[in-house]
Amino acid sequence: MHELYRCNFNSVDIFNKLALGPNSLCNVVGTKIWWRRVWMGILGVCETNAYLAYCKSVERIPRHAFREQLAYQLLRFGGYQEVYRMLPSGEC
């Protein structure tokens, strides 16, 4: 178990920095209310996972641009048809 961690600890550190670092949602929102910080931390982990998956599978884009696209799509709520058209060859 320890050897497996030692092989991958840099990835864990990078993820922790992206999800919970200075530019994370829980720090950007800046609340001191515990449950809001937990909620923003969970959202930050989800957003970071989505960002890393997008960069690996589609294209590498700046994180700020990804967050803008994500916020736009979440606020549109129901714009899945346009997202479907943006995917290469219409795959899900």
Protein backbone atom coordinates (compact mmCIF):
# COMPACT_ATOMS: atom_id res chain seq x y z
CA MET A 1 0.00 0.00 0.00
CA HIS A 2 2.78 2.39 0.91
CA GLU A 3 4.60 1.70 -2.37
CA LEU A 4 1.43 2.41 -4.36
CA TYR A 5 1.04 5.74 -2.58
CA ARG A 6 4.70 6.64 -3.18
CA CYS A 7 4.26 6.00 -6.91
CA ASN A 8 1.25 8.33 -7.15
CA PHE A 9 1.63 10.89 -4.38
CA ASN A 10 2.49 13.70 -6.82
CA SER A 11 -0.89 13.23 -8.50
CA VAL A 12 -2.62 13.38 -5.13
CA ASP A 13 -0.73 16.56 -4.23
CA ILE A 14 -1.62 18.20 -7.55
CA PHE A 15 -5.28 17.27 -7.09
CA ASN A 16 -5.33 18.60 -3.52
CA LYS A 17 -3.77 21.86 -4.66
CA LEU A 18 -6.32 22.27 -7.45
CA ALA A 19 -9.35 21.19 -5.42
CA LEU A 20 -8.53 22.74 -2.04
CA GLY A 21 -5.76 25.27 -2.72
CA PRO A 22 -5.80 29.08 -2.81
CA ASN A 23 -7.93 29.26 -5.98
CA SER A 24 -10.45 26.66 -4.84
CA LEU A 25 -14.14 27.43 -4.49
CA CYS A 26 -14.11 27.26 -0.69
CA ASN A 27 -11.32 29.85 -0.52
CA VAL A 28 -12.67 32.07 -3.30
CA VAL A 29 -16.10 32.29 -1.66
CA GLY A 30 -14.35 33.06 1.62
CA THR A 31 -17.06 32.02 4.06
CA LYS A 32 -16.31 31.10 7.64
CA ILE A 33 -19.56 29.18 8.13
CA TRP A 34 -18.48 25.55 8.40
CA TRP A 35 -21.23 23.91 6.34
CA ARG A 36 -20.76 26.37 3.48
CA ARG A 37 -17.03 25.63 3.44
CA VAL A 38 -17.78 21.90 3.35
CA TRP A 39 -20.29 22.42 0.54
CA MET A 40 -17.83 24.55 -1.46
CA GLY A 41 -15.11 21.97 -0.81
CA ILE A 42 -17.30 19.19 -2.22
CA LEU A 43 -18.18 21.33 -5.24
CA GLY A 44 -14.49 22.13 -5.67
CA VAL A 45 -13.59 18.43 -5.71
CA CYS A 46 -16.33 17.73 -8.28
CA GLU A 47 -15.25 20.67 -10.45
CA THR A 48 -11.59 19.62 -10.27
CA ASN A 49 -12.44 16.03 -11.26
CA ALA A 50 -14.48 17.32 -14.20
CA TYR A 51 -11.69 19.69 -15.25
CA LEU A 52 -8.99 17.02 -15.14
CA ALA A 53 -11.19 14.55 -17.05
CA TYR A 54 -11.99 17.20 -19.68
CA CYS A 55 -8.33 18.10 -20.12
CA LYS A 56 -7.35 14.47 -20.48
CA SER A 57 -10.15 13.37 -22.81
CA VAL A 58 -11.10 16.44 -24.89
CA GLU A 59 -8.57 19.26 -24.88
CA ARG A 60 -6.34 21.12 -22.49
CA ILE A 61 -7.80 24.55 -21.72
CA PRO A 62 -7.11 27.05 -18.94
CA ARG A 63 -9.03 26.36 -15.76
CA HIS A 64 -10.69 29.76 -15.78
CA ALA A 65 -12.11 29.10 -19.26
CA PHE A 66 -13.36 25.69 -18.10
CA ARG A 67 -15.05 27.25 -15.07
CA GLU A 68 -16.75 29.84 -17.28
CA GLN A 69 -18.05 27.13 -19.62
CA LEU A 70 -19.18 24.99 -16.69
CA ALA A 71 -21.01 27.89 -15.02
CA TYR A 72 -22.68 28.83 -18.28
CA GLN A 73 -23.91 25.29 -18.88
CA LEU A 74 -25.09 24.85 -15.29
CA LEU A 75 -26.98 28.15 -15.36
CA ARG A 76 -28.62 27.28 -18.66
CA PHE A 77 -29.91 24.03 -17.13
CA GLY A 78 -31.35 21.98 -19.89
CA GLY A 79 -28.89 22.95 -22.61
CA TYR A 80 -27.80 19.34 -23.03
CA GLN A 81 -28.65 19.32 -26.73
CA GLU A 82 -26.06 21.98 -27.48
CA VAL A 83 -23.48 20.15 -25.39
CA TYR A 84 -24.31 17.00 -27.34
CA ARG A 85 -23.67 18.86 -30.61
CA MET A 86 -20.32 20.13 -29.31
CA LEU A 87 -19.06 16.59 -28.63
CA PRO A 88 -16.92 15.04 -31.36
CA SER A 89 -19.06 12.89 -33.69
CA GLY A 90 -22.10 13.31 -31.40
CA GLU A 91 -20.93 10.74 -28.84
CA CYS A 92 -22.13 10.77 -25.25
